[in-house]
Each structure stands twice: as structure tokens, then as C-alpha cells.
Protein backbone atom coordinates (compact mmCIF):
# COMPACT_ATOMS: atom_id res chain seq x y z
CA MET A 1 199.86 174.29 218.33
CA GLY A 2 201.80 176.94 216.33
CA PHE A 3 199.24 178.63 214.57
CA ASP A 4 199.59 182.24 213.59
CA ALA A 5 195.92 183.56 213.53
CA VAL A 6 192.85 183.09 215.41
CA TRP A 7 189.37 183.40 213.85
CA ILE A 8 186.55 184.04 216.24
CA SER A 9 182.94 184.25 215.66
CA PRO A 10 180.84 187.43 215.05
CA ILE A 11 181.27 189.93 217.68
CA VAL A 12 178.01 192.08 217.42
CA LYS A 13 175.09 191.98 219.59
CA ASN A 14 172.56 189.21 218.51
CA VAL A 15 168.97 188.91 218.75
CA GLU A 16 168.34 187.49 222.28
CA GLY A 17 166.95 184.28 223.00
CA GLN A 18 167.61 183.21 219.40
CA SER A 19 171.30 182.52 218.98
CA TYR A 20 174.74 182.05 220.72
CA HIS A 21 176.84 182.06 217.61
CA GLY A 22 177.27 185.70 216.42
CA TYR A 23 175.69 185.09 213.04
CA TRP A 24 172.03 186.58 213.76
CA ALA A 25 172.65 190.60 214.45
CA GLN A 26 170.58 192.99 216.01
CA ASP A 27 172.89 195.61 216.58
CA ILE A 28 176.28 196.15 214.42
CA ASN A 29 177.37 198.94 216.67
CA GLN A 30 177.26 196.92 219.94
CA ILE A 31 179.50 194.28 221.11
CA ASN A 32 177.89 190.78 222.12
CA PRO A 33 177.61 190.99 225.86
CA HIS A 34 177.68 186.94 226.37
CA PHE A 35 181.31 187.25 224.62
CA GLY A 36 182.61 190.23 226.81
CA THR A 37 183.26 193.89 226.42
CA ALA A 38 184.67 196.20 223.89
CA ASP A 39 187.79 196.38 226.32
CA ASP A 40 187.96 192.48 226.36
CA LEU A 41 188.25 192.49 222.62
CA LYS A 42 190.75 195.11 222.67
CA ALA A 43 192.81 193.22 225.17
CA LEU A 44 192.23 189.97 223.12
CA SER A 45 193.62 191.77 220.24
CA ALA A 46 196.74 192.99 222.12
CA GLU A 47 197.57 189.70 223.62
CA LEU A 48 197.51 188.12 220.15
CA HIS A 49 199.88 190.84 218.85
CA ARG A 50 202.00 190.44 221.79
CA ARG A 51 202.76 187.13 220.65
CA GLY A 52 203.17 187.75 217.14
CA MET A 53 199.90 186.46 215.90
CA TYR A 54 196.88 187.71 213.89
CA LEU A 55 193.29 188.37 214.90
CA MET A 56 190.87 187.33 212.35
CA VAL A 57 186.95 188.52 212.94
CA ASP A 58 184.11 186.95 211.21
CA VAL A 59 181.30 189.30 209.60
CA ALA A 60 178.27 188.76 208.39
CA PRO A 61 177.08 191.53 206.33
CA ASN A 62 174.12 189.91 204.46
CA HIS A 63 171.72 189.49 206.88
CA ASN A 64 170.39 190.20 210.49
CA GLY A 65 168.88 187.61 212.88
CA PRO A 66 165.49 186.26 212.68
CA GLN A 67 162.63 187.16 215.10
CA SER A 68 160.24 184.36 216.22
CA SER A 69 157.32 186.54 216.28
CA GLY A 70 155.94 189.69 214.38
CA ALA A 71 155.00 190.03 210.88
CA VAL A 72 157.57 190.64 208.17
CA SER A 73 155.60 193.00 206.47
CA SER A 74 155.07 195.51 208.94
CA ASP A 75 157.34 198.47 209.57
CA SER A 76 157.47 197.61 213.27
CA TYR A 77 158.96 194.19 212.74
CA TYR A 78 162.15 196.02 211.78
CA SER A 79 162.47 198.45 214.67
CA LEU A 80 164.22 195.73 216.75
CA TYR A 81 167.32 196.37 214.39
CA ALA A 82 170.02 199.01 214.43
CA PRO A 83 171.14 200.84 212.81
CA PHE A 84 168.96 199.20 210.02
CA ASN A 85 165.55 199.72 211.68
CA GLN A 86 163.41 200.29 208.73
CA LYS A 87 161.65 198.18 206.18
CA ALA A 88 163.39 199.90 203.21
CA TYR A 89 166.79 198.72 204.36
CA TYR A 90 165.94 195.19 203.59
CA HIS A 91 164.63 192.91 200.67
CA ASN A 92 161.06 192.02 200.49
CA TYR A 93 160.42 188.73 202.33
CA CYS A 94 160.81 185.73 200.21
CA THR A 95 163.04 182.39 201.13
CA ILE A 96 165.56 181.14 198.56
CA SER A 97 163.86 178.38 196.37
CA ASN A 98 166.23 177.93 193.70
CA TYR A 99 170.19 178.22 194.18
CA ASN A 100 170.58 178.08 190.47
CA ASP A 101 169.01 181.34 190.12
CA GLN A 102 171.45 184.04 191.22
CA ASN A 103 169.00 186.59 191.70
CA ASN A 104 166.91 184.61 194.04
CA VAL A 105 170.19 183.74 196.02
CA GLU A 106 170.98 187.55 196.63
CA GLN A 107 167.38 189.02 197.01
CA CYS A 108 165.44 186.37 199.13
CA TRP A 109 166.05 185.42 202.54
CA LEU A 110 167.99 182.27 204.10
CA GLY A 111 165.37 180.25 206.07
CA SER A 112 162.28 178.45 205.43
CA THR A 113 159.46 180.25 207.25
CA PRO A 114 159.14 183.91 208.36
CA SER A 115 159.86 183.15 212.01
CA ASP A 116 163.22 181.37 211.30
CA ALA A 117 164.29 183.12 208.02
CA LEU A 118 167.27 185.86 208.12
CA PRO A 119 166.15 189.28 207.40
CA ASP A 120 167.85 190.09 204.17
CA LEU A 121 169.77 193.78 203.79
CA ASN A 122 169.12 195.38 200.47
CA THR A 123 172.98 196.00 199.88
CA GLU A 124 171.58 198.02 196.77
CA ASN A 125 170.31 200.85 199.41
CA SER A 126 172.73 203.49 199.50
CA PHE A 127 172.29 203.96 203.30
CA VAL A 128 172.89 200.39 203.97
CA THR A 129 176.16 200.13 201.87
CA SER A 130 177.56 203.61 203.18
CA THR A 131 176.91 202.54 206.72
CA TYR A 132 178.30 199.13 206.37
CA TYR A 133 181.41 200.17 204.51
CA SER A 134 181.88 202.77 207.43
CA TRP A 135 181.07 200.33 209.97
CA ILE A 136 183.71 197.75 208.82
CA SER A 137 186.65 200.69 208.64
CA ASN A 138 185.72 201.61 212.02
CA LEU A 139 185.72 197.74 213.33
CA VAL A 140 189.08 197.24 211.81
CA LYS A 141 190.76 200.24 213.25
CA SER A 142 189.05 200.05 216.82
CA TYR A 143 190.20 196.48 217.44
CA GLN A 144 193.31 196.36 215.33
CA ILE A 145 191.96 193.57 213.43
CA ASP A 146 194.18 191.83 210.88
CA GLY A 147 191.90 189.93 208.74
CA LEU A 148 188.34 189.16 208.12
CA ARG A 149 186.34 185.89 207.37
CA VAL A 150 183.48 187.12 205.44
CA ASP A 151 180.13 185.15 205.63
CA THR A 152 177.38 184.44 202.93
CA VAL A 153 179.53 186.15 200.25
CA LYS A 154 177.46 184.79 197.35
CA HIS A 155 174.12 186.27 198.87
CA CYS A 156 175.34 189.69 198.07
CA PRO A 157 175.91 190.95 194.56
CA ARG A 158 179.72 190.67 193.41
CA ALA A 159 179.81 194.40 192.73
CA TRP A 160 179.31 195.24 196.24
CA TRP A 161 182.17 193.53 197.68
CA PRO A 162 185.14 195.65 196.27
CA GLY A 163 183.78 198.54 198.26
CA PHE A 164 183.38 196.45 201.38
CA LYS A 165 187.01 194.97 200.90
CA SER A 166 188.61 198.46 200.11
CA SER A 167 186.94 200.12 203.13
CA SER A 168 188.37 197.30 205.76
CA GLY A 169 191.86 197.76 204.68
CA VAL A 170 192.77 194.24 205.61
CA PHE A 171 192.83 190.55 204.24
CA ASN A 172 189.51 189.33 203.34
CA ILE A 173 188.83 185.41 203.19
CA GLY A 174 185.22 184.78 201.95
CA GLU A 175 182.82 181.89 202.25
CA VAL A 176 180.84 180.99 199.01
CA PHE A 177 179.16 177.79 199.75
CA SER A 178 179.40 175.82 196.57
CA GLY A 179 181.41 172.95 195.48
CA ASP A 180 181.40 174.23 191.94
CA PRO A 181 185.05 175.70 191.01
CA ALA A 182 183.47 177.89 188.08
CA TYR A 183 180.87 179.45 190.25
CA VAL A 184 183.43 180.37 193.07
CA LYS A 185 186.02 181.60 191.06
CA PRO A 186 184.70 185.24 190.09
CA TYR A 187 184.30 186.03 193.90
CA GLN A 188 188.03 185.65 194.42
CA ASP A 189 188.36 187.76 190.75
CA ALA A 190 185.98 190.41 192.19
CA ALA A 191 187.33 191.45 195.52
CA MET A 192 188.34 188.73 198.09
CA ASP A 193 191.89 188.00 198.49
CA GLY A 194 190.95 184.26 199.20
CA LEU A 195 188.14 182.09 199.52
CA LEU A 196 187.14 179.24 202.02
CA ASN A 197 187.94 176.14 199.42
CA TYR A 198 184.56 174.34 199.12
CA PRO A 199 185.61 173.18 195.73
CA VAL A 200 188.47 170.92 197.13
CA TYR A 201 186.53 170.37 200.48
CA TYR A 202 184.13 167.84 198.91
CA PRO A 203 186.63 165.67 196.61
CA LEU A 204 188.89 165.59 200.08
CA GLN A 205 186.07 164.37 202.06
CA ARG A 206 185.28 161.80 199.43
CA ALA A 207 188.65 160.71 199.16
CA PHE A 208 189.07 159.60 202.61
CA GLN A 209 185.23 158.83 203.45
CA SER A 210 186.47 155.02 203.14
CA THR A 211 189.28 153.06 202.52
CA ASN A 212 191.23 152.88 198.96
CA ARG A 213 188.64 155.30 197.32
CA GLY A 214 191.66 156.76 195.19
CA PHE A 215 192.64 160.42 194.53
CA GLY A 216 191.68 160.99 190.94
CA GLU A 217 188.92 163.61 191.73
CA MET A 218 191.15 165.21 194.23
CA LYS A 219 194.20 165.67 192.16
CA GLN A 220 191.73 166.94 189.56
CA MET A 221 190.19 169.48 191.48
CA VAL A 222 193.74 170.81 192.75
CA ASN A 223 194.64 171.23 188.99
CA THR A 224 191.50 172.93 188.32
CA ILE A 225 192.09 175.36 191.10
CA ARG A 226 195.81 176.10 190.41
CA SER A 227 195.12 176.39 186.62
CA THR A 228 192.09 179.04 186.69
CA TYR A 229 192.17 180.72 189.81
CA ARG A 230 193.97 184.12 190.26
CA ASP A 231 195.39 183.14 193.75
CA PRO A 232 194.71 179.31 194.41
CA LEU A 233 197.46 179.57 197.37
CA ALA A 234 195.29 182.10 199.09
CA MET A 235 192.46 179.63 199.15
CA GLY A 236 191.64 178.51 202.64
CA THR A 237 191.65 174.63 202.89
CA PHE A 238 189.65 173.26 205.69
CA LEU A 239 188.12 169.82 206.96
CA ASP A 240 185.60 170.84 209.35
CA ASN A 241 183.75 174.13 210.18
CA HIS A 242 180.43 175.34 211.99
CA ASP A 243 178.23 174.61 208.82
CA ASN A 244 179.16 171.29 208.05
CA PRO A 245 179.23 168.05 209.99
CA ARG A 246 182.70 167.40 211.45
CA PHE A 247 184.29 164.75 209.29
CA ALA A 248 184.74 162.59 212.15
CA SER A 249 181.07 162.25 212.53
CA THR A 250 180.80 160.04 209.54
CA VAL A 251 184.36 158.67 209.44
CA THR A 252 185.63 156.36 212.35
CA ASP A 253 188.94 155.51 211.29
CA LYS A 254 191.23 157.66 212.97
CA MET A 255 193.93 157.21 210.17
CA LEU A 256 191.56 158.26 207.30
CA VAL A 257 190.85 161.57 209.66
CA ARG A 258 194.41 162.05 210.40
CA ASN A 259 195.31 161.93 206.62
CA ALA A 260 192.57 164.24 205.48
CA MET A 261 193.80 166.57 208.19
CA THR A 262 197.38 166.33 206.99
CA TYR A 263 196.38 167.51 203.50
CA ILE A 264 194.84 170.57 205.30
CA LEU A 265 197.95 171.46 206.88
CA VAL A 266 200.52 170.81 204.08
CA GLY A 267 198.49 170.83 200.77
CA ASP A 268 197.88 173.74 198.74
CA GLY A 269 196.18 177.07 200.40
CA ILE A 270 195.91 178.36 203.74
CA PRO A 271 195.30 175.87 206.73
CA VAL A 272 192.16 176.44 208.36
CA LEU A 273 191.60 174.35 211.65
CA TYR A 274 188.14 174.39 213.30
CA TYR A 275 188.49 174.21 216.74
CA GLY A 276 187.92 170.79 218.31
CA GLN A 277 189.65 168.81 215.97
CA GLU A 278 192.56 168.67 218.00
CA GLN A 279 190.48 167.14 220.64
CA ASP A 280 188.97 164.56 218.18
CA TYR A 281 185.13 166.21 218.29
CA SER A 282 182.96 164.46 216.38
CA GLY A 283 179.72 166.44 216.32
CA GLY A 284 177.39 165.91 213.06
CA GLN A 285 174.66 168.57 211.91
CA ASP A 286 174.65 172.15 213.29
CA PRO A 287 174.39 172.68 216.45
CA TYR A 288 176.12 169.26 217.22
CA ASN A 289 179.30 170.42 215.43
CA ARG A 290 179.32 173.44 217.56
CA GLU A 291 180.58 171.97 220.94
CA ALA A 292 181.70 173.95 223.56
CA LEU A 293 185.79 173.65 223.61
CA TRP A 294 185.87 174.40 227.43
CA THR A 295 184.37 170.84 228.23
CA SER A 296 187.61 169.19 226.75
CA GLY A 297 189.76 170.86 229.58
CA TYR A 298 191.84 172.13 226.52
CA ASN A 299 193.67 168.66 226.53
CA THR A 300 197.27 169.32 224.79
CA ASN A 301 197.65 165.57 225.33
CA THR A 302 195.57 164.19 222.49
CA ASP A 303 197.39 162.43 219.85
CA SER A 304 195.82 164.81 217.43
CA TYR A 305 197.06 167.84 219.28
CA LYS A 306 200.49 166.57 219.37
CA TYR A 307 200.28 165.82 215.39
CA ILE A 308 199.03 169.19 214.31
CA ALA A 309 201.65 170.90 216.57
CA ALA A 310 204.53 168.52 215.10
CA VAL A 311 203.24 169.65 211.60
CA ASN A 312 203.23 173.34 212.53
CA LYS A 313 206.62 173.25 213.76
CA LEU A 314 207.74 172.06 210.32
CA ARG A 315 205.74 174.85 209.04
CA LYS A 316 207.28 177.63 211.07
CA PHE A 317 210.89 176.28 210.13
CA VAL A 318 210.54 175.96 206.40
CA LYS A 319 208.09 179.05 205.83
CA ASN A 320 210.98 181.31 204.82
CA ARG A 321 213.66 178.71 203.25
CA ALA A 322 214.71 178.93 199.82
CA ASP A 323 212.76 176.12 198.46
CA LYS A 324 209.53 177.99 199.45
CA PRO A 325 207.55 174.76 200.21
CA LEU A 326 204.60 176.83 201.76
CA THR A 327 204.23 179.01 198.67
CA THR A 328 204.90 176.52 196.11
CA GLN A 329 202.08 174.76 194.47
CA LEU A 330 201.95 170.92 194.87
CA THR A 331 203.37 168.49 192.02
CA SER A 332 201.92 165.20 192.15
CA LEU A 333 204.41 162.39 192.11
CA PHE A 334 202.67 159.07 192.71
CA ASP A 335 199.06 157.84 193.30
CA ASN A 336 196.92 154.67 193.30
CA SER A 337 194.00 153.57 195.01
CA GLY A 338 195.46 153.78 198.59
CA SER A 339 198.11 156.30 198.39
CA TRP A 340 199.12 159.81 197.24
CA ALA A 341 202.60 161.32 197.24
CA PHE A 342 203.44 164.87 196.18
CA ASN A 343 206.36 167.31 196.92
CA LYS A 344 206.02 171.14 197.67
CA GLY A 345 209.53 172.65 197.33
CA ASN A 346 211.81 170.03 199.15
CA MET A 347 208.84 168.71 201.24
CA LEU A 348 207.61 165.44 200.34
CA VAL A 349 204.00 164.36 201.53
CA VAL A 350 202.69 160.81 201.38
CA LEU A 351 198.98 160.44 202.20
CA SER A 352 197.39 157.17 202.88
CA SER A 353 193.84 155.96 202.48
CA ALA A 354 194.56 152.36 203.36
CA GLY A 355 193.06 153.22 206.94
CA GLN A 356 194.26 151.89 210.33
CA ASN A 357 193.88 148.19 209.47
CA GLY A 358 195.78 149.07 206.22
CA GLY A 359 198.75 147.01 206.96
CA THR A 360 201.91 147.79 205.02
CA GLN A 361 202.09 149.93 201.84
CA ILE A 362 204.96 150.13 199.60
CA VAL A 363 205.14 153.62 197.65
CA SER A 364 208.09 154.02 194.67
CA ILE A 365 208.66 157.35 193.63
CA GLY A 366 210.75 158.39 190.82
CA SER A 367 211.23 162.10 190.55
CA SER A 368 214.06 164.64 189.39
CA SER A 369 212.36 167.07 191.59
CA LEU A 370 213.11 165.38 194.76
CA PRO A 371 216.56 166.41 196.41
CA ALA A 372 218.99 163.50 196.54
CA GLY A 373 220.12 162.26 200.00
CA GLN A 374 218.48 161.52 203.42
CA MET A 375 215.02 162.81 204.33
CA THR A 376 213.47 162.70 207.84
CA ASN A 377 209.75 161.84 208.38
CA VAL A 378 208.90 164.58 210.99
CA ILE A 379 205.99 162.66 212.30
CA ASN A 380 208.17 159.64 213.58
CA CYS A 381 211.72 160.81 212.64
CA ALA A 382 212.32 157.61 210.73
CA THR A 383 214.49 158.37 207.52
CA ILE A 384 214.50 157.45 204.01
CA ASN A 385 217.19 157.93 201.41
CA VAL A 386 216.81 159.36 197.74
CA ASN A 387 219.16 158.43 195.01
CA SER A 388 220.79 160.74 192.79
CA GLY A 389 217.93 160.14 189.94
CA GLY A 390 214.97 161.16 192.55
CA SER A 391 214.23 157.62 193.26
CA VAL A 392 213.08 156.38 196.71
CA THR A 393 210.76 153.47 198.49
CA ILE A 394 208.54 154.61 201.12
CA GLN A 395 207.08 152.04 203.54
CA LEU A 396 203.87 153.37 205.29
CA ASN A 397 202.59 151.20 208.26
CA GLY A 398 198.73 151.10 209.55
CA GLY A 399 197.47 153.76 207.20
CA GLN A 400 199.83 156.69 208.76
CA PRO A 401 200.67 159.40 206.38
CA ALA A 402 204.33 160.77 206.09
CA ILE A 403 205.77 164.36 205.77
CA PHE A 404 209.50 164.09 204.61
CA TYR A 405 212.07 167.10 204.89
CA PRO A 406 215.73 166.64 203.94
CA SER A 407 217.65 165.80 207.04
CA SER A 408 220.59 168.03 206.41
CA SER A 409 218.37 171.03 206.06
CA LEU A 410 216.74 170.50 209.51
CA GLY A 411 219.49 171.63 211.71
CA GLY A 412 218.39 174.21 214.17
CA SER A 413 214.64 173.17 213.79
CA GLY A 414 214.60 171.27 217.13
CA ILE A 415 212.65 168.63 214.99
CA CYS A 416 213.46 165.26 215.45
CA GLY A 417 216.59 166.22 217.74
CA LYS A 418 218.14 168.38 215.00
């Protein structure tokens, strides 16, 4: 599909019989045998690099995996884990009861009962801190890891992360599970290169939850991020992930799903596509949103697969061009209840929330920021003509999105025969 990086699950050994996903560590110094061997991981890294791609690995330093039996108050409970095999390396057991109390969020355990709660590592403990900092440095070097997705960032003190980031020596994108931009922002300021953009995730979902919802909330959040965040374009934009129900589990109109996905690919930020979106997976709450990909047969002929590949082909072609569409923040040009048009550099994007039964929509734009002349819709190769004043009328059919780029600049791209 043309992606540059692959993000994989945490690779450490997990508590047996409890998990399959990697987030419930037992021993951070061993590789999860269900995923393969250390040599397998090194081979994966080498093959990605041979293809000019990056390897991103997920890490979850906040906690270990739960045990279904045993008393969390006993020292013996913690002997299962390595290297953190003493009670002193953990916060005293309590479950998070108030997410408005930051101390409660950082000191207590995720989960609801002792049998399912995740033992919360005491990152104020010097052994825990020095061990984790050394571990992440060695992990990155041993497997030639290019970047980290960092889990449960808000559950560790912000002051802990600069040392972790520095020890890793690579790009860090953190998960702060909150839609409040003011709450999320300080974590990027503190240490993270980027964050998963939950503040945009929620209004993006709502904009395409049903037909003709309008884009006011979405536009406002994009403007908030761009005007207040240290590096808005390092935020990871996503529609699906392993912690939330897939968007397609609640929205059955495929054009609404496609338009929402289009923003992920060409809106502000780093696109993050969750595996299975290209197969139109529609699983709901965990674990149904974690379907096995191999059951799809890795189908490369789905409409979604081909659509994503087409958009990424444009991204590859324009990423080093003078108009810098991928590193330019979007400028909104037009919106109403059923459509939204914006440009990034010379790229013009028109999104529709009319749905697949929306008929024909007419979008009239007048903006001096648009380049005059013919533009090509890279999705269906139709063309439009922008007059010298930047005015153009665009017709959308059946709720389809459109992505235009100057026709005269597509030479050598292989897009639409150019």
C-alpha cells in the first residue's frame, strides 16, 4: 500500500494464559515466544530497512500483566516478574477511580479487581527507572528499531518521560488516552516527539457518524491543535486502533468510512492506519477489534486496499516537492453540512459526509491559494479547471471524496497515466 513504517505489538514475554497481544509483560528481557525469536525480529528489522522502511515497536513501561490468582499484598505475588520481582518496584494496589485526579491515574492500577488489574510499576523507584532507561536503550540498538509507540503515557509522571525518550535515542509517539487538547498537550511539551491525536479522533468520528453532520467541531479542533501544540504535524492521526471499536463497527455507510479514512491519509499529522482497515474489518470492542489479519488472505483487491494505495502513491510523489503539501498545515476553503474542502500546499482535498446515497453535491470554492489551471483527481483521474482567481466548481457523486493535484505537476508520478 505504500507505507513507510510498520508498528508492531510489544515484543516482550507476556504472562502465559492471560494475553496474546503483548501488553501484559512478565519479563521484559525475553522475547515473546508466540511472536518468534530474537533472530526473527532482527530479520524483520533488516528486511524492512532493505526496503527503505522503518520499524516501530510498541512499549508499555507503565505496568506488567495481571495474575488470575494470588494476593497482590504478598511479596510472593511479584516473584513471577523479571526483572521487577519485588513488591517495592510497584505502587500499592488500588484501582483507578477518578480520572480527574492525576495522582490517582499515576499511582493506581488499570483494571477493576485484583485478578485483572495490571501491576503498576513504581517509576519513582530508582531501580525501576534506571533499569527501564537502560533496557530501552539496549532494545533499540539490538534490533535497530527506528521509533517507538509508547503506551499509557498519562499513567506515568510527565517528569519520567524525558529520560526515557533520551535513553531510546529515537522518535517517540505516545498514547495519552484523552480527547481534551489542553490535557494532552503538556505530554508533547514534556518529552514526546508526537502523540496519538485523540483530541482530533473524537470530532473526526462524530463528523462522519451519520450523513450531513457538518464539520464545525472538526475544524475547531484542528485549529486548536495547530495554534497551541509545539509540533502539530507530529501528531498521529488515526480512525481505528486496538483499544477502540473499529469505526466500521458503528458506521455501515462505506462512503462515510472512506471519507473519514481520507482525512487520516491527507489531513494534518502522521497517518496511522490500523491493520485490517484495508480489509474493511468491522470488529467492535476489544477483543473483536483485534481480528487476525491472516484470515483475510491478505487480499490486495479490496476497494479500500486499492484506495489507500492510490492515496499513498500521491503522498510518495509529493513529499519532497516545493509546495510541501505533507508538511504544510491545512487551510480550510469551504464547508457546509455535507462537505468540507481544504488545501495543503497545492493539494486540494474535498470530503463528503453525504453518504453513498447522497446523490450529487456541488462545491464552489474561491481561493487565491489554489494554483490556476487544470487539476487531476488522483482517485478517479477526472479533471477540474481552476481559473486565474482561484475559483472552481467541483461535483461530488455518491459521497465520494476527492483529492486533486495540479495536472502539470504529475509528470513522472505514474498517477493517472502521467
